[in-house]
Amino acid sequence: MGLLQDTATASAWYEAVSSIYDPLVAETFWPRRLQRRLLDTLEFATGDRVLDVGCGTGVTCDLLAERAGRVEAIDLSEPQLRRADQPESVEFIGGDAHQLPYTDETFDAVVSVGAILYFVDPVAALAEAHRVTRPGGELLVAGFNRPPFPTLNPVENVATVANETFFHTWGREDVETCLTAAGWYDGDSEVTGPVWHPRLARVATARKAERPR
């Protein structure tokens, strides 16, 4: 478990970096260009209700609002939520990804970019996302990749050591195990990332099974 996979520690870290989070963290690791490409893989329909888990300052929410009918967002960090633009088209609340304050089968899709890095129990959080998703709904979760180590790229090697020290990371088999344990099906993942590290991230997608007819 990474050092920041602890609620109190992660909260203190967010408190410290909230004022510089968007330009330093969000745009370095999860630039809008990358997020747009990832979100374009989802099948949004007019009127879809979408949840952003671990929304931070709302960068992903802005992009979701361009695609979905209704966007709701949740984050455990009060400093991050205070700094979010919070447009009228997005409903922001404070809360824990491991105990989502929504009824079953509320959302057509659940998206989470970068938040799984800090989840104390990733499978439990993914199971909660599954619970609040409607049958046939989609999931997209972006986290840090766990690549083969070492590689021939020293930047990647340093990043891998740092990521595994502080955060939850996952490889292809980890994604499959987590998604299956949380109840999702048709799971898949791809390796991607920003220009400076194109193998930084592993992005998981899956669906919630339709009800038998």
N, C-alpha and C. Protein backbone atom coordinates (compact mmCIF):
# COMPACT_ATOMS: atom_id res chain seq x y z
N MET A 1 0.84 -1.20 0.00
CA MET A 1 0.00 0.00 0.00
C MET A 1 0.88 1.25 0.00
N GLY A 2 0.52 2.23 -0.85
CA GLY A 2 1.30 3.45 -0.92
C GLY A 2 1.10 4.34 0.30
N LEU A 3 2.06 5.20 0.55
CA LEU A 3 2.02 6.06 1.74
C LEU A 3 0.81 6.99 1.74
N LEU A 4 0.33 7.37 0.55
CA LEU A 4 -0.82 8.28 0.48
C LEU A 4 -2.15 7.54 0.36
N GLN A 5 -2.11 6.21 0.47
CA GLN A 5 -3.36 5.44 0.54
C GLN A 5 -3.84 5.38 1.98
N ASP A 6 -3.95 6.53 2.56
CA ASP A 6 -4.37 6.70 3.95
C ASP A 6 -5.17 8.01 3.99
N THR A 7 -6.36 7.95 4.50
CA THR A 7 -7.26 9.10 4.42
C THR A 7 -6.68 10.35 5.06
N ALA A 8 -6.12 10.22 6.27
CA ALA A 8 -5.59 11.39 6.97
C ALA A 8 -4.38 11.97 6.24
N THR A 9 -3.49 11.09 5.78
CA THR A 9 -2.28 11.55 5.09
C THR A 9 -2.63 12.20 3.76
N ALA A 10 -3.55 11.57 3.02
CA ALA A 10 -3.96 12.13 1.73
C ALA A 10 -4.65 13.48 1.92
N SER A 11 -5.46 13.61 2.97
CA SER A 11 -6.14 14.88 3.24
C SER A 11 -5.14 15.98 3.54
N ALA A 12 -4.11 15.65 4.32
CA ALA A 12 -3.08 16.64 4.64
C ALA A 12 -2.31 17.04 3.39
N TRP A 13 -2.05 16.06 2.52
CA TRP A 13 -1.32 16.35 1.28
C TRP A 13 -2.15 17.28 0.40
N TYR A 14 -3.44 16.99 0.25
CA TYR A 14 -4.30 17.84 -0.56
C TYR A 14 -4.41 19.25 0.03
N GLU A 15 -4.45 19.34 1.34
CA GLU A 15 -4.49 20.66 2.00
C GLU A 15 -3.25 21.46 1.62
N ALA A 16 -2.12 20.77 1.56
CA ALA A 16 -0.85 21.45 1.27
C ALA A 16 -0.74 21.90 -0.18
N VAL A 17 -1.28 21.09 -1.12
CA VAL A 17 -1.06 21.38 -2.54
C VAL A 17 -2.28 21.95 -3.25
N SER A 18 -3.38 22.16 -2.53
CA SER A 18 -4.62 22.55 -3.20
C SER A 18 -4.49 23.83 -4.02
N SER A 19 -3.67 24.77 -3.55
CA SER A 19 -3.56 26.05 -4.25
C SER A 19 -2.81 25.92 -5.58
N ILE A 20 -2.00 24.88 -5.74
CA ILE A 20 -1.23 24.71 -6.98
C ILE A 20 -1.58 23.40 -7.68
N TYR A 21 -2.67 22.75 -7.24
CA TYR A 21 -2.99 21.42 -7.75
C TYR A 21 -3.22 21.42 -9.25
N ASP A 22 -4.06 22.32 -9.75
CA ASP A 22 -4.40 22.28 -11.17
C ASP A 22 -3.19 22.44 -12.10
N PRO A 23 -2.39 23.50 -11.94
CA PRO A 23 -1.26 23.66 -12.86
C PRO A 23 -0.14 22.67 -12.62
N LEU A 24 0.06 22.24 -11.37
CA LEU A 24 1.20 21.37 -11.06
C LEU A 24 0.88 19.90 -11.23
N VAL A 25 -0.24 19.45 -10.69
CA VAL A 25 -0.57 18.02 -10.69
C VAL A 25 -1.49 17.65 -11.85
N ALA A 26 -2.65 18.31 -11.91
CA ALA A 26 -3.64 17.92 -12.92
C ALA A 26 -3.10 18.03 -14.34
N GLU A 27 -2.48 19.15 -14.67
CA GLU A 27 -2.01 19.33 -16.03
C GLU A 27 -0.72 18.56 -16.33
N THR A 28 0.02 18.18 -15.29
CA THR A 28 1.23 17.39 -15.51
C THR A 28 0.90 15.92 -15.74
N PHE A 29 0.02 15.37 -14.89
CA PHE A 29 -0.27 13.93 -14.95
C PHE A 29 -1.54 13.60 -15.73
N TRP A 30 -2.54 14.48 -15.66
CA TRP A 30 -3.83 14.22 -16.32
C TRP A 30 -4.23 15.42 -17.17
N PRO A 31 -3.46 15.77 -18.19
CA PRO A 31 -3.78 16.95 -19.00
C PRO A 31 -5.14 16.81 -19.69
N ARG A 32 -5.76 17.92 -19.96
CA ARG A 32 -7.10 17.92 -20.56
C ARG A 32 -7.12 17.17 -21.89
N ARG A 33 -6.08 17.30 -22.66
CA ARG A 33 -6.04 16.62 -23.96
C ARG A 33 -6.15 15.11 -23.77
N LEU A 34 -5.45 14.56 -22.78
CA LEU A 34 -5.53 13.14 -22.48
C LEU A 34 -6.92 12.76 -21.98
N GLN A 35 -7.46 13.57 -21.08
CA GLN A 35 -8.77 13.26 -20.53
C GLN A 35 -9.85 13.30 -21.60
N ARG A 36 -9.77 14.24 -22.50
CA ARG A 36 -10.76 14.32 -23.58
C ARG A 36 -10.75 13.04 -24.41
N ARG A 37 -9.57 12.55 -24.72
CA ARG A 37 -9.48 11.33 -25.52
C ARG A 37 -10.09 10.15 -24.77
N LEU A 38 -9.83 10.07 -23.47
CA LEU A 38 -10.38 8.97 -22.68
C LEU A 38 -11.90 9.04 -22.60
N LEU A 39 -12.43 10.23 -22.35
CA LEU A 39 -13.88 10.38 -22.22
C LEU A 39 -14.59 10.14 -23.55
N ASP A 40 -13.91 10.39 -24.66
CA ASP A 40 -14.52 10.16 -25.96
C ASP A 40 -14.76 8.68 -26.23
N THR A 41 -14.16 7.80 -25.44
CA THR A 41 -14.38 6.36 -25.63
C THR A 41 -15.69 5.90 -24.98
N LEU A 42 -16.30 6.74 -24.16
CA LEU A 42 -17.55 6.38 -23.50
C LEU A 42 -18.74 6.74 -24.39
N GLU A 43 -19.83 6.00 -24.19
CA GLU A 43 -21.01 6.18 -25.04
C GLU A 43 -22.07 7.00 -24.31
N PHE A 44 -21.86 8.31 -24.26
CA PHE A 44 -22.82 9.19 -23.59
C PHE A 44 -24.04 9.42 -24.48
N ALA A 45 -25.19 9.50 -23.82
CA ALA A 45 -26.43 9.83 -24.52
C ALA A 45 -27.04 11.07 -23.88
N THR A 46 -27.87 11.78 -24.63
CA THR A 46 -28.54 12.96 -24.10
C THR A 46 -29.34 12.59 -22.86
N GLY A 47 -29.12 13.34 -21.80
CA GLY A 47 -29.84 13.07 -20.56
C GLY A 47 -29.16 12.12 -19.62
N ASP A 48 -28.01 11.56 -20.00
CA ASP A 48 -27.28 10.64 -19.11
C ASP A 48 -26.87 11.35 -17.83
N ARG A 49 -26.95 10.62 -16.74
CA ARG A 49 -26.52 11.11 -15.44
C ARG A 49 -25.19 10.45 -15.11
N VAL A 50 -24.15 11.26 -14.89
CA VAL A 50 -22.78 10.76 -14.73
C VAL A 50 -22.20 11.23 -13.41
N LEU A 51 -21.46 10.33 -12.76
CA LEU A 51 -20.80 10.65 -11.49
C LEU A 51 -19.30 10.68 -11.67
N ASP A 52 -18.67 11.75 -11.17
CA ASP A 52 -17.21 11.87 -11.12
C ASP A 52 -16.77 11.61 -9.69
N VAL A 53 -16.10 10.48 -9.47
CA VAL A 53 -15.66 10.10 -8.13
C VAL A 53 -14.22 10.58 -7.91
N GLY A 54 -14.01 11.34 -6.83
CA GLY A 54 -12.70 11.93 -6.60
C GLY A 54 -12.47 13.06 -7.56
N CYS A 55 -13.44 13.98 -7.62
CA CYS A 55 -13.46 15.02 -8.65
C CYS A 55 -12.40 16.09 -8.48
N GLY A 56 -11.82 16.22 -7.27
CA GLY A 56 -10.83 17.25 -7.05
C GLY A 56 -11.39 18.64 -7.30
N THR A 57 -10.68 19.43 -8.10
CA THR A 57 -11.11 20.79 -8.38
C THR A 57 -12.04 20.88 -9.58
N GLY A 58 -12.44 19.75 -10.13
CA GLY A 58 -13.49 19.75 -11.14
C GLY A 58 -13.06 19.79 -12.58
N VAL A 59 -11.79 19.51 -12.86
CA VAL A 59 -11.32 19.54 -14.25
C VAL A 59 -12.08 18.52 -15.10
N THR A 60 -12.19 17.30 -14.60
CA THR A 60 -12.90 16.27 -15.35
C THR A 60 -14.39 16.60 -15.46
N CYS A 61 -14.94 17.20 -14.42
CA CYS A 61 -16.36 17.59 -14.45
C CYS A 61 -16.66 18.52 -15.61
N ASP A 62 -15.78 19.48 -15.85
CA ASP A 62 -15.97 20.42 -16.95
C ASP A 62 -16.06 19.68 -18.28
N LEU A 63 -15.21 18.68 -18.46
CA LEU A 63 -15.20 17.91 -19.70
C LEU A 63 -16.42 17.01 -19.80
N LEU A 64 -16.85 16.47 -18.68
CA LEU A 64 -18.06 15.64 -18.67
C LEU A 64 -19.30 16.46 -18.99
N ALA A 65 -19.33 17.69 -18.49
CA ALA A 65 -20.49 18.55 -18.71
C ALA A 65 -20.69 18.86 -20.19
N GLU A 66 -19.62 18.74 -20.98
CA GLU A 66 -19.72 18.96 -22.42
C GLU A 66 -20.37 17.76 -23.12
N ARG A 67 -20.45 16.62 -22.41
CA ARG A 67 -20.86 15.37 -23.04
C ARG A 67 -22.14 14.78 -22.47
N ALA A 68 -22.39 14.96 -21.19
CA ALA A 68 -23.51 14.30 -20.51
C ALA A 68 -24.58 15.30 -20.11
N GLY A 69 -25.78 14.79 -19.87
CA GLY A 69 -26.88 15.66 -19.52
C GLY A 69 -26.80 16.21 -18.11
N ARG A 70 -26.36 15.37 -17.17
CA ARG A 70 -26.29 15.78 -15.77
C ARG A 70 -25.03 15.20 -15.14
N VAL A 71 -24.23 16.05 -14.53
CA VAL A 71 -22.97 15.61 -13.92
C VAL A 71 -23.02 15.89 -12.43
N GLU A 72 -22.68 14.88 -11.64
CA GLU A 72 -22.54 15.03 -10.20
C GLU A 72 -21.12 14.62 -9.81
N ALA A 73 -20.62 15.23 -8.75
CA ALA A 73 -19.22 15.05 -8.40
C ALA A 73 -19.05 14.93 -6.89
N ILE A 74 -18.12 14.06 -6.49
CA ILE A 74 -17.88 13.84 -5.07
C ILE A 74 -16.39 13.75 -4.80
N ASP A 75 -15.97 14.33 -3.69
CA ASP A 75 -14.57 14.27 -3.30
C ASP A 75 -14.48 14.37 -1.78
N LEU A 76 -13.47 13.72 -1.22
CA LEU A 76 -13.28 13.72 0.22
C LEU A 76 -12.55 14.97 0.70
N SER A 77 -11.87 15.66 -0.21
CA SER A 77 -11.03 16.79 0.16
C SER A 77 -11.80 18.11 0.12
N GLU A 78 -12.04 18.68 1.25
CA GLU A 78 -12.72 19.98 1.30
C GLU A 78 -11.90 21.09 0.63
N PRO A 79 -10.56 21.13 0.81
CA PRO A 79 -9.79 22.17 0.12
C PRO A 79 -9.94 22.10 -1.40
N GLN A 80 -9.98 20.87 -1.95
CA GLN A 80 -10.15 20.73 -3.39
C GLN A 80 -11.53 21.22 -3.83
N LEU A 81 -12.55 20.86 -3.08
CA LEU A 81 -13.91 21.27 -3.44
C LEU A 81 -14.07 22.79 -3.35
N ARG A 82 -13.42 23.40 -2.36
CA ARG A 82 -13.51 24.85 -2.24
C ARG A 82 -12.91 25.56 -3.44
N ARG A 83 -11.91 24.95 -4.06
CA ARG A 83 -11.24 25.56 -5.20
C ARG A 83 -11.89 25.20 -6.54
N ALA A 84 -12.83 24.29 -6.51
CA ALA A 84 -13.52 23.93 -7.75
C ALA A 84 -14.39 25.09 -8.24
N ASP A 85 -14.47 25.24 -9.54
CA ASP A 85 -15.29 26.32 -10.12
C ASP A 85 -16.76 26.14 -9.78
N GLN A 86 -17.21 24.88 -9.71
CA GLN A 86 -18.57 24.52 -9.36
C GLN A 86 -19.61 25.26 -10.21
N PRO A 87 -19.62 25.00 -11.51
CA PRO A 87 -20.64 25.60 -12.37
C PRO A 87 -22.02 25.05 -12.01
N GLU A 88 -23.06 25.74 -12.39
CA GLU A 88 -24.42 25.33 -12.06
C GLU A 88 -24.77 23.98 -12.68
N SER A 89 -24.08 23.62 -13.76
CA SER A 89 -24.39 22.36 -14.45
C SER A 89 -23.85 21.13 -13.72
N VAL A 90 -23.04 21.35 -12.67
CA VAL A 90 -22.44 20.23 -11.93
C VAL A 90 -22.79 20.36 -10.45
N GLU A 91 -23.21 19.26 -9.85
CA GLU A 91 -23.52 19.24 -8.42
C GLU A 91 -22.36 18.61 -7.66
N PHE A 92 -21.71 19.38 -6.79
CA PHE A 92 -20.56 18.92 -6.02
C PHE A 92 -20.98 18.62 -4.58
N ILE A 93 -20.48 17.51 -4.04
CA ILE A 93 -20.68 17.22 -2.62
C ILE A 93 -19.41 16.61 -2.05
N GLY A 94 -19.25 16.70 -0.73
CA GLY A 94 -18.15 16.04 -0.05
C GLY A 94 -18.57 14.63 0.33
N GLY A 95 -17.65 13.69 0.18
CA GLY A 95 -17.99 12.32 0.53
C GLY A 95 -16.88 11.35 0.18
N ASP A 96 -17.04 10.11 0.63
CA ASP A 96 -16.03 9.07 0.51
C ASP A 96 -16.38 8.11 -0.62
N ALA A 97 -15.41 7.81 -1.47
CA ALA A 97 -15.63 6.88 -2.58
C ALA A 97 -15.98 5.48 -2.09
N HIS A 98 -15.58 5.15 -0.86
CA HIS A 98 -15.86 3.82 -0.31
C HIS A 98 -17.27 3.72 0.26
N GLN A 99 -17.96 4.85 0.42
CA GLN A 99 -19.32 4.88 0.95
C GLN A 99 -20.10 5.98 0.22
N LEU A 100 -20.43 5.75 -1.02
CA LEU A 100 -21.08 6.76 -1.83
C LEU A 100 -22.50 7.03 -1.32
N PRO A 101 -22.86 8.28 -1.14
CA PRO A 101 -24.18 8.64 -0.58
C PRO A 101 -25.27 8.71 -1.64
N TYR A 102 -25.36 7.67 -2.45
CA TYR A 102 -26.36 7.62 -3.51
C TYR A 102 -27.10 6.28 -3.44
N THR A 103 -28.33 6.27 -3.92
CA THR A 103 -29.09 5.03 -3.96
C THR A 103 -28.58 4.13 -5.08
N ASP A 104 -28.97 2.88 -5.03
CA ASP A 104 -28.55 1.92 -6.05
C ASP A 104 -29.02 2.35 -7.44
N GLU A 105 -28.17 2.07 -8.43
CA GLU A 105 -28.52 2.24 -9.84
C GLU A 105 -28.99 3.67 -10.17
N THR A 106 -28.19 4.63 -9.72
CA THR A 106 -28.51 6.05 -9.93
C THR A 106 -27.94 6.60 -11.23
N PHE A 107 -26.73 6.13 -11.63
CA PHE A 107 -25.98 6.78 -12.70
C PHE A 107 -25.85 5.89 -13.94
N ASP A 108 -25.76 6.56 -15.09
CA ASP A 108 -25.52 5.87 -16.35
C ASP A 108 -24.05 5.58 -16.57
N ALA A 109 -23.20 6.33 -15.91
CA ALA A 109 -21.75 6.11 -16.01
C ALA A 109 -21.07 6.68 -14.77
N VAL A 110 -19.96 6.05 -14.40
CA VAL A 110 -19.11 6.54 -13.31
C VAL A 110 -17.70 6.71 -13.86
N VAL A 111 -17.13 7.87 -13.61
CA VAL A 111 -15.78 8.20 -14.09
C VAL A 111 -14.93 8.61 -12.90
N SER A 112 -13.67 8.20 -12.92
CA SER A 112 -12.75 8.60 -11.86
C SER A 112 -11.34 8.71 -12.45
N VAL A 113 -10.80 9.91 -12.46
CA VAL A 113 -9.48 10.16 -13.05
C VAL A 113 -8.49 10.53 -11.95
N GLY A 114 -7.58 9.63 -11.67
CA GLY A 114 -6.51 9.90 -10.71
C GLY A 114 -6.83 9.63 -9.26
N ALA A 115 -8.09 9.46 -8.92
CA ALA A 115 -8.46 9.32 -7.51
C ALA A 115 -8.12 7.96 -6.93
N ILE A 116 -8.12 6.91 -7.77
CA ILE A 116 -7.85 5.57 -7.26
C ILE A 116 -6.44 5.46 -6.66
N LEU A 117 -5.58 6.39 -7.00
CA LEU A 117 -4.23 6.41 -6.42
C LEU A 117 -4.27 6.45 -4.90
N TYR A 118 -5.33 7.06 -4.35
CA TYR A 118 -5.41 7.31 -2.91
C TYR A 118 -6.40 6.40 -2.19
N PHE A 119 -7.14 5.56 -2.93
CA PHE A 119 -8.16 4.74 -2.28
C PHE A 119 -7.52 3.73 -1.33
N VAL A 120 -8.03 3.70 -0.12
CA VAL A 120 -7.55 2.73 0.88
C VAL A 120 -7.86 1.31 0.42
N ASP A 121 -9.03 1.11 -0.15
CA ASP A 121 -9.47 -0.20 -0.62
C ASP A 121 -10.06 -0.04 -2.02
N PRO A 122 -9.23 -0.15 -3.06
CA PRO A 122 -9.71 0.08 -4.42
C PRO A 122 -10.88 -0.82 -4.82
N VAL A 123 -10.87 -2.08 -4.42
CA VAL A 123 -11.96 -2.98 -4.78
C VAL A 123 -13.27 -2.53 -4.15
N ALA A 124 -13.22 -2.11 -2.89
CA ALA A 124 -14.43 -1.62 -2.22
C ALA A 124 -14.98 -0.38 -2.91
N ALA A 125 -14.10 0.52 -3.33
CA ALA A 125 -14.54 1.73 -4.03
C ALA A 125 -15.13 1.39 -5.39
N LEU A 126 -14.53 0.45 -6.10
CA LEU A 126 -15.07 0.04 -7.39
C LEU A 126 -16.41 -0.67 -7.23
N ALA A 127 -16.57 -1.40 -6.13
CA ALA A 127 -17.84 -2.06 -5.84
C ALA A 127 -18.94 -1.04 -5.55
N GLU A 128 -18.58 0.04 -4.87
CA GLU A 128 -19.54 1.12 -4.63
C GLU A 128 -19.94 1.79 -5.95
N ALA A 129 -18.96 2.00 -6.82
CA ALA A 129 -19.27 2.56 -8.13
C ALA A 129 -20.22 1.64 -8.90
N HIS A 130 -19.99 0.35 -8.78
CA HIS A 130 -20.86 -0.64 -9.42
C HIS A 130 -22.27 -0.56 -8.85
N ARG A 131 -22.38 -0.42 -7.56
CA ARG A 131 -23.70 -0.37 -6.90
C ARG A 131 -24.54 0.79 -7.41
N VAL A 132 -23.92 1.95 -7.60
CA VAL A 132 -24.69 3.14 -7.98
C VAL A 132 -24.86 3.30 -9.49
N THR A 133 -24.33 2.35 -10.26
CA THR A 133 -24.45 2.39 -11.71
C THR A 133 -25.65 1.56 -12.18
N ARG A 134 -26.36 2.08 -13.15
CA ARG A 134 -27.50 1.36 -13.70
C ARG A 134 -27.04 0.18 -14.55
N PRO A 135 -27.84 -0.86 -14.66
CA PRO A 135 -27.48 -1.99 -15.54
C PRO A 135 -27.19 -1.50 -16.96
N GLY A 136 -26.08 -1.98 -17.51
CA GLY A 136 -25.65 -1.53 -18.82
C GLY A 136 -24.78 -0.30 -18.79
N GLY A 137 -24.63 0.31 -17.61
CA GLY A 137 -23.83 1.53 -17.48
C GLY A 137 -22.34 1.27 -17.57
N GLU A 138 -21.59 2.35 -17.77
CA GLU A 138 -20.16 2.25 -18.01
C GLU A 138 -19.32 2.77 -16.84
N LEU A 139 -18.09 2.27 -16.79
CA LEU A 139 -17.09 2.72 -15.81
C LEU A 139 -15.81 3.08 -16.54
N LEU A 140 -15.19 4.19 -16.12
CA LEU A 140 -13.85 4.53 -16.58
C LEU A 140 -13.05 5.00 -15.37
N VAL A 141 -11.93 4.32 -15.12
CA VAL A 141 -11.07 4.66 -13.98
C VAL A 141 -9.63 4.77 -14.46
N ALA A 142 -9.02 5.92 -14.24
CA ALA A 142 -7.63 6.15 -14.64
C ALA A 142 -6.74 6.19 -13.40
N GLY A 143 -5.73 5.34 -13.40
CA GLY A 143 -4.75 5.31 -12.31
C GLY A 143 -3.36 5.18 -12.88
N PHE A 144 -2.38 5.04 -12.00
CA PHE A 144 -1.00 4.89 -12.46
C PHE A 144 -0.72 3.44 -12.85
N ASN A 145 -0.01 3.28 -13.95
CA ASN A 145 0.37 1.98 -14.46
C ASN A 145 1.51 1.37 -13.63
N ARG A 146 1.49 0.05 -13.52
CA ARG A 146 2.62 -0.66 -12.91
C ARG A 146 3.33 -1.41 -14.04
N PRO A 147 4.34 -0.78 -14.66
CA PRO A 147 5.00 -1.40 -15.82
C PRO A 147 6.05 -2.41 -15.38
N PRO A 148 6.51 -3.22 -16.34
CA PRO A 148 7.66 -4.09 -16.03
C PRO A 148 8.84 -3.22 -15.59
N PHE A 149 9.60 -3.70 -14.63
CA PHE A 149 10.69 -2.88 -14.08
C PHE A 149 11.95 -3.72 -13.97
N PRO A 150 13.11 -3.20 -14.34
CA PRO A 150 13.33 -1.85 -14.87
C PRO A 150 13.12 -1.80 -16.38
N THR A 151 12.98 -0.56 -16.88
CA THR A 151 12.90 -0.33 -18.32
C THR A 151 14.20 0.35 -18.75
N LEU A 152 14.30 0.60 -20.03
CA LEU A 152 15.48 1.30 -20.55
C LEU A 152 15.35 2.81 -20.42
N ASN A 153 14.21 3.26 -19.95
CA ASN A 153 13.97 4.70 -19.81
C ASN A 153 14.13 5.10 -18.34
N PRO A 154 15.18 5.87 -17.99
CA PRO A 154 15.40 6.23 -16.58
C PRO A 154 14.28 7.07 -15.99
N VAL A 155 13.62 7.90 -16.81
CA VAL A 155 12.50 8.70 -16.30
C VAL A 155 11.37 7.79 -15.85
N GLU A 156 11.08 6.77 -16.66
CA GLU A 156 10.03 5.82 -16.29
C GLU A 156 10.40 5.05 -15.03
N ASN A 157 11.66 4.68 -14.89
CA ASN A 157 12.09 3.93 -13.71
C ASN A 157 11.92 4.75 -12.43
N VAL A 158 12.31 6.01 -12.49
CA VAL A 158 12.16 6.89 -11.32
C VAL A 158 10.69 7.07 -10.99
N ALA A 159 9.87 7.30 -12.03
CA ALA A 159 8.44 7.49 -11.82
C ALA A 159 7.80 6.25 -11.21
N THR A 160 8.21 5.08 -11.67
CA THR A 160 7.65 3.82 -11.16
C THR A 160 7.95 3.64 -9.69
N VAL A 161 9.18 3.90 -9.29
CA VAL A 161 9.55 3.78 -7.88
C VAL A 161 8.76 4.77 -7.03
N ALA A 162 8.67 6.02 -7.48
CA ALA A 162 7.93 7.04 -6.73
C ALA A 162 6.45 6.68 -6.63
N ASN A 163 5.87 6.25 -7.75
CA ASN A 163 4.45 5.93 -7.75
C ASN A 163 4.12 4.77 -6.81
N GLU A 164 4.93 3.72 -6.85
CA GLU A 164 4.66 2.56 -6.00
C GLU A 164 4.94 2.86 -4.53
N THR A 165 5.74 3.86 -4.26
CA THR A 165 6.01 4.24 -2.87
C THR A 165 4.82 5.00 -2.27
N PHE A 166 4.21 5.85 -3.07
CA PHE A 166 3.18 6.75 -2.53
C PHE A 166 1.74 6.37 -2.89
N PHE A 167 1.54 5.65 -3.99
CA PHE A 167 0.18 5.50 -4.51
C PHE A 167 -0.17 4.04 -4.80
N HIS A 168 -1.47 3.82 -5.02
CA HIS A 168 -1.92 2.56 -5.59
C HIS A 168 -1.56 2.56 -7.07
N THR A 169 -0.94 1.50 -7.55
CA THR A 169 -0.67 1.33 -8.97
C THR A 169 -1.23 -0.02 -9.41
N TRP A 170 -1.48 -0.16 -10.70
CA TRP A 170 -2.00 -1.45 -11.16
C TRP A 170 -1.52 -1.79 -12.56
N GLY A 171 -1.31 -3.11 -12.78
CA GLY A 171 -1.00 -3.64 -14.10
C GLY A 171 -2.26 -4.28 -14.67
N ARG A 172 -2.13 -4.92 -15.83
CA ARG A 172 -3.30 -5.50 -16.50
C ARG A 172 -4.00 -6.53 -15.62
N GLU A 173 -3.24 -7.43 -15.01
CA GLU A 173 -3.86 -8.47 -14.18
C GLU A 173 -4.53 -7.87 -12.95
N ASP A 174 -3.93 -6.83 -12.38
CA ASP A 174 -4.52 -6.15 -11.21
C ASP A 174 -5.88 -5.56 -11.59
N VAL A 175 -5.95 -4.95 -12.76
CA VAL A 175 -7.21 -4.35 -13.22
C VAL A 175 -8.28 -5.43 -13.35
N GLU A 176 -7.93 -6.53 -14.00
CA GLU A 176 -8.89 -7.61 -14.19
C GLU A 176 -9.39 -8.15 -12.86
N THR A 177 -8.47 -8.33 -11.92
CA THR A 177 -8.84 -8.85 -10.60
C THR A 177 -9.76 -7.89 -9.87
N CYS A 178 -9.41 -6.60 -9.87
CA CYS A 178 -10.21 -5.59 -9.17
C CYS A 178 -11.60 -5.46 -9.76
N LEU A 179 -11.69 -5.39 -11.08
CA LEU A 179 -12.99 -5.21 -11.72
C LEU A 179 -13.90 -6.41 -11.48
N THR A 180 -13.34 -7.60 -11.61
CA THR A 180 -14.14 -8.81 -11.40
C THR A 180 -14.62 -8.90 -9.95
N ALA A 181 -13.73 -8.62 -9.01
CA ALA A 181 -14.10 -8.69 -7.59
C ALA A 181 -15.17 -7.67 -7.24
N ALA A 182 -15.19 -6.54 -7.96
CA ALA A 182 -16.16 -5.48 -7.68
C ALA A 182 -17.48 -5.67 -8.42
N GLY A 183 -17.56 -6.70 -9.26
CA GLY A 183 -18.82 -7.01 -9.92
C GLY A 183 -18.96 -6.57 -11.35
N TRP A 184 -17.94 -5.91 -11.91
CA TRP A 184 -18.00 -5.42 -13.28
C TRP A 184 -17.73 -6.53 -14.29
N TYR A 185 -18.19 -6.34 -15.51
CA TYR A 185 -17.87 -7.30 -16.56
C TYR A 185 -17.38 -6.55 -17.80
N ASP A 186 -16.90 -7.31 -18.78
CA ASP A 186 -16.39 -6.73 -20.02
C ASP A 186 -15.28 -5.72 -19.72
N GLY A 187 -14.46 -6.04 -18.72
CA GLY A 187 -13.39 -5.13 -18.33
C GLY A 187 -12.21 -5.16 -19.29
N ASP A 188 -11.56 -4.03 -19.41
CA ASP A 188 -10.38 -3.91 -20.26
C ASP A 188 -9.53 -2.77 -19.72
N SER A 189 -8.32 -2.66 -20.21
CA SER A 189 -7.48 -1.53 -19.81
C SER A 189 -6.49 -1.21 -20.91
N GLU A 190 -6.05 0.03 -20.91
CA GLU A 190 -5.03 0.47 -21.86
C GLU A 190 -3.99 1.30 -21.14
N VAL A 191 -2.78 1.26 -21.67
CA VAL A 191 -1.69 2.06 -21.12
C VAL A 191 -1.59 3.34 -21.95
N THR A 192 -1.52 4.46 -21.27
CA THR A 192 -1.44 5.76 -21.93
C THR A 192 -0.76 6.74 -20.98
N GLY A 193 -0.76 8.00 -21.32
CA GLY A 193 -0.15 8.98 -20.44
C GLY A 193 0.14 10.28 -21.15
N PRO A 194 0.66 11.25 -20.40
CA PRO A 194 1.02 12.54 -21.00
C PRO A 194 2.25 12.39 -21.90
N VAL A 195 2.54 13.44 -22.63
CA VAL A 195 3.64 13.39 -23.59
C VAL A 195 4.96 13.01 -22.93
N TRP A 196 5.20 13.51 -21.73
CA TRP A 196 6.50 13.28 -21.09
C TRP A 196 6.64 11.85 -20.56
N HIS A 197 5.53 11.12 -20.43
CA HIS A 197 5.58 9.74 -19.93
C HIS A 197 4.36 8.99 -20.48
N PRO A 198 4.44 8.51 -21.73
CA PRO A 198 3.28 7.89 -22.38
C PRO A 198 2.84 6.55 -21.81
N ARG A 199 3.58 6.02 -20.83
CA ARG A 199 3.17 4.77 -20.18
C ARG A 199 2.88 4.99 -18.70
N LEU A 200 2.62 6.21 -18.31
CA LEU A 200 2.39 6.54 -16.91
C LEU A 200 1.09 5.93 -16.38
N ALA A 201 0.05 5.97 -17.18
CA ALA A 201 -1.29 5.64 -16.70
C ALA A 201 -1.80 4.32 -17.26
N ARG A 202 -2.63 3.67 -16.48
CA ARG A 202 -3.41 2.53 -16.97
C ARG A 202 -4.88 2.87 -16.72
N VAL A 203 -5.65 2.86 -17.80
CA VAL A 203 -7.04 3.28 -17.73
C VAL A 203 -7.95 2.07 -17.92
N ALA A 204 -8.78 1.83 -16.93
CA ALA A 204 -9.69 0.68 -16.96
C ALA A 204 -11.08 1.11 -17.40
N THR A 205 -11.72 0.27 -18.19
CA THR A 205 -13.11 0.47 -18.58
C THR A 205 -13.87 -0.83 -18.34
N ALA A 206 -15.15 -0.71 -18.08
CA ALA A 206 -15.99 -1.90 -17.84
C ALA A 206 -17.45 -1.50 -17.93
N ARG A 207 -18.31 -2.50 -17.87
CA ARG A 207 -19.76 -2.28 -17.87
C ARG A 207 -20.40 -3.04 -16.71
N LYS A 208 -21.57 -2.57 -16.34
CA LYS A 208 -22.40 -3.31 -15.41
C LYS A 208 -23.36 -4.16 -16.22
N ALA A 209 -23.47 -5.42 -15.86
CA ALA A 209 -24.29 -6.34 -16.63
C ALA A 209 -25.75 -5.90 -16.68
N GLU A 210 -26.37 -6.13 -17.83
CA GLU A 210 -27.80 -5.89 -17.95
C GLU A 210 -28.56 -6.93 -17.14
N ARG A 211 -29.76 -6.58 -16.71
CA ARG A 211 -30.59 -7.54 -16.02
C ARG A 211 -31.07 -8.62 -17.00
N PRO A 212 -31.11 -9.87 -16.57
CA PRO A 212 -31.64 -10.91 -17.44
C PRO A 212 -33.10 -10.62 -17.78
N ARG A 213 -33.48 -10.86 -19.01
CA ARG A 213 -34.87 -10.61 -19.43
C ARG A 213 -35.70 -11.87 -19.29
